[in-house]
Amino acid sequence: MDNTEKLAIMNKILRELEDIQNSSTALLKKVAQAETENMNLANKLLEDKLPDLHEKIDAMVTESTSLISEFTSVRDKFYSDNNLGEVPEGA
């Protein structure tokens, strides 16, 4: 596998990580909506379980954001170390 193929795979992985982050963010919003709606319902089970779910998904969003940032740096370094030129914007 040559360096341009490796770079293409790195870019694909970054897009997949961004999809994971976007999906996690959407889940977090849904859980927050359920928590808000449960304020009127006052269901004990939801009161007990939704905050834990919210916390876990929030941690996933935070971790995916960090991973995207770190892997973008790895990809950018690979790009420049292998004389592939300037890292294109949004690559």
Protein backbone atom coordinates (compact mmCIF):
# COMPACT_ATOMS: atom_id res chain seq x y z
CA MET A 1 0.00 0.00 0.00
CA ASP A 2 1.50 3.34 -0.98
CA ASN A 3 1.32 6.56 1.02
CA THR A 4 -1.54 8.07 -0.98
CA GLU A 5 -3.63 4.96 -0.29
CA LYS A 6 -2.77 5.18 3.40
CA LEU A 7 -3.75 8.85 3.40
CA ALA A 8 -7.07 8.00 1.73
CA ILE A 9 -7.76 5.43 4.46
CA MET A 10 -6.86 7.96 7.17
CA ASN A 11 -9.28 10.47 5.63
CA LYS A 12 -12.01 7.80 5.46
CA ILE A 13 -11.47 6.93 9.13
CA LEU A 14 -11.71 10.62 10.07
CA ARG A 15 -15.03 10.89 8.21
CA GLU A 16 -16.28 7.79 10.05
CA LEU A 17 -15.20 9.23 13.40
CA GLU A 18 -17.04 12.45 12.56
CA ASP A 19 -20.15 10.39 11.75
CA ILE A 20 -19.83 8.69 15.15
CA GLN A 21 -19.53 12.08 16.82
CA ASN A 22 -22.56 13.46 14.96
CA SER A 23 -24.64 10.39 15.82
CA SER A 24 -23.59 10.61 19.47
CA THR A 25 -24.52 14.29 19.56
CA ALA A 26 -27.94 13.47 18.11
CA LEU A 27 -28.42 10.76 20.78
CA LEU A 28 -27.43 13.21 23.49
CA LYS A 29 -30.06 15.67 22.26
CA LYS A 30 -32.72 12.93 22.27
CA VAL A 31 -31.86 11.94 25.85
CA ALA A 32 -31.98 15.60 26.92
CA GLN A 33 -35.42 15.90 25.29
CA ALA A 34 -36.62 12.80 27.16
CA GLU A 35 -35.28 14.24 30.42
CA THR A 36 -37.12 17.50 29.79
CA GLU A 37 -40.37 15.73 28.90
CA ASN A 38 -40.09 13.57 31.98
CA MET A 39 -40.15 16.69 34.18
CA ASN A 40 -43.90 16.80 33.54
CA LEU A 41 -44.35 13.04 33.69
CA ALA A 42 -42.16 12.53 36.77
CA ASN A 43 -41.55 8.85 36.07
CA LYS A 44 -39.17 7.49 38.70
CA LEU A 45 -37.54 4.93 36.39
CA LEU A 46 -36.69 7.64 33.84
CA GLU A 47 -35.52 10.00 36.58
CA ASP A 48 -33.12 7.31 37.76
CA LYS A 49 -31.84 6.03 34.41
CA LEU A 50 -31.77 8.97 31.99
CA PRO A 51 -29.06 10.99 33.81
CA ASP A 52 -26.72 7.98 33.69
CA LEU A 53 -27.43 7.49 30.01
CA HIS A 54 -26.87 11.20 29.40
CA GLU A 55 -23.52 11.06 31.19
CA LYS A 56 -22.32 8.02 29.22
CA ILE A 57 -23.27 9.50 25.86
CA ASP A 58 -21.72 12.85 26.81
CA ALA A 59 -18.48 11.02 27.64
CA MET A 60 -18.63 9.35 24.23
CA VAL A 61 -19.04 12.73 22.51
CA THR A 62 -16.08 14.11 24.48
CA GLU A 63 -13.92 11.08 23.70
CA SER A 64 -14.79 11.10 19.99
CA THR A 65 -13.96 14.81 19.79
CA SER A 66 -10.59 14.17 21.38
CA LEU A 67 -9.89 11.19 19.12
CA ILE A 68 -10.76 13.21 16.01
CA SER A 69 -8.38 15.95 17.08
CA GLU A 70 -5.55 13.55 17.88
CA PHE A 71 -5.98 11.47 14.73
CA THR A 72 -6.18 14.61 12.58
CA SER A 73 -2.75 15.53 13.94
CA VAL A 74 -1.45 12.04 13.11
CA ARG A 75 -2.87 12.31 9.59
CA ASP A 76 -1.40 15.81 9.10
CA LYS A 77 2.02 14.67 10.29
CA PHE A 78 1.90 11.64 7.98
CA TYR A 79 0.94 13.96 5.12
CA SER A 80 3.87 16.31 5.66
CA ASP A 81 6.42 13.61 6.65
CA ASN A 82 5.79 11.79 3.40
CA ASN A 83 6.14 14.89 1.22
CA LEU A 84 2.55 14.79 0.09
CA GLY A 85 2.50 18.62 0.15
CA GLU A 86 0.26 20.88 2.17
CA VAL A 87 -2.64 19.30 4.01
CA PRO A 88 -5.74 20.32 2.06
CA GLU A 89 -8.39 22.22 4.00
CA GLY A 90 -11.17 19.93 5.18
CA ALA A 91 -9.29 16.79 4.16
